[in-house]
């Protein structure tokens, strides 16, 4: 889900700081397990297994378990590299 930013502002996320200017699009930085599964095209059960096997990193905010966009990208990169090495 992308949001349009109407006015220039600085966003502070703890580990990332970016300046969003008018007409720039903000990209989601984290997803729920359901959303992460949808993003990479797998089932919720598959995401649960990948988390249990520590193939995808997660973090919590309060009681919510989230998966960063970076963790999903790292997982995909690692899987692609593993398949390239096996071929």
Protein backbone atom coordinates (compact mmCIF):
# COMPACT_ATOMS: atom_id res chain seq x y z
CA UNK A 1 0.00 0.00 0.00
CA UNK A 2 1.52 3.31 -1.09
CA UNK A 3 0.51 6.69 0.27
CA UNK A 4 0.93 10.07 -1.35
CA UNK A 5 2.53 12.76 0.80
CA UNK A 6 0.92 16.18 0.44
CA UNK A 7 3.60 18.30 2.13
CA UNK A 8 7.36 17.95 2.71
CA UNK A 9 8.09 16.25 6.00
CA UNK A 10 10.75 14.13 7.65
CA UNK A 11 9.75 10.64 8.77
CA UNK A 12 11.64 9.08 11.68
CA UNK A 13 11.30 5.31 12.01
CA UNK A 14 14.06 4.59 14.54
CA UNK A 15 16.45 2.89 12.12
CA UNK A 16 15.59 4.81 8.98
CA UNK A 17 15.19 8.48 8.29
CA UNK A 18 13.92 9.72 4.98
CA UNK A 19 12.59 12.99 3.68
CA UNK A 20 9.38 12.74 1.73
CA UNK A 21 8.71 15.59 -0.66
CA UNK A 22 5.49 16.48 -2.45
CA UNK A 23 4.47 13.91 -5.11
CA UNK A 24 6.83 11.21 -3.78
CA UNK A 25 5.39 7.85 -2.80
CA UNK A 26 6.05 6.21 0.57
CA UNK A 27 6.63 2.48 0.48
CA UNK A 28 5.60 0.11 3.26
CA UNK A 29 8.52 -0.81 5.51
CA UNK A 30 6.86 -3.68 7.39
CA UNK A 31 4.09 -6.22 6.92
CA UNK A 32 1.95 -8.54 9.03
CA UNK A 33 2.44 -12.26 8.41
CA UNK A 34 -0.64 -12.33 6.16
CA UNK A 35 0.57 -9.33 4.19
CA UNK A 36 4.09 -10.75 3.88
CA UNK A 37 2.68 -14.03 2.57
CA UNK A 38 0.70 -12.10 -0.03
CA UNK A 39 3.73 -9.99 -0.99
CA UNK A 40 5.88 -13.01 -1.85
CA UNK A 41 3.08 -15.27 -3.07
CA UNK A 42 3.07 -18.01 -0.44
CA UNK A 43 0.55 -19.25 2.12
CA UNK A 44 0.35 -18.12 5.73
CA UNK A 45 1.42 -21.64 6.75
CA UNK A 46 4.53 -21.28 4.57
CA UNK A 47 5.37 -17.94 6.23
CA UNK A 48 4.92 -19.52 9.67
CA UNK A 49 7.32 -22.33 8.69
CA UNK A 50 9.89 -19.90 7.28
CA UNK A 51 9.75 -17.89 10.51
CA UNK A 52 10.04 -21.04 12.65
CA UNK A 53 13.01 -22.18 10.55
CA UNK A 54 14.54 -18.69 10.96
CA UNK A 55 14.66 -18.15 7.22
CA UNK A 56 12.72 -14.89 7.57
CA UNK A 57 13.52 -12.38 10.34
CA UNK A 58 10.69 -10.80 12.31
CA UNK A 59 10.29 -8.18 15.01
CA UNK A 60 7.52 -7.19 17.38
CA UNK A 61 5.75 -3.93 18.06
CA UNK A 62 3.67 -4.41 21.16
CA UNK A 63 1.93 -7.74 20.58
CA UNK A 64 2.17 -7.60 16.76
CA UNK A 65 4.79 -9.68 14.94
CA UNK A 66 5.96 -7.89 11.80
CA UNK A 67 8.24 -8.70 8.89
CA UNK A 68 10.27 -5.90 7.36
CA UNK A 69 10.42 -5.34 3.63
CA UNK A 70 14.21 -5.75 3.98
CA UNK A 71 13.78 -9.18 5.60
CA UNK A 72 11.57 -10.29 2.70
CA UNK A 73 14.10 -8.98 0.18
CA UNK A 74 16.94 -10.74 2.03
CA UNK A 75 14.99 -14.01 2.02
CA UNK A 76 14.32 -13.79 -1.72
CA UNK A 77 17.95 -12.89 -2.45
CA UNK A 78 19.19 -15.84 -0.36
CA UNK A 79 16.78 -18.25 -2.07
CA UNK A 80 17.81 -17.02 -5.52
CA UNK A 81 21.51 -17.36 -4.62
CA UNK A 82 20.95 -20.88 -3.27
CA UNK A 83 19.19 -21.92 -6.46
CA UNK A 84 21.89 -20.35 -8.63
CA UNK A 85 24.54 -22.28 -6.67
CA UNK A 86 22.64 -25.55 -7.01
CA UNK A 87 22.21 -25.19 -10.77
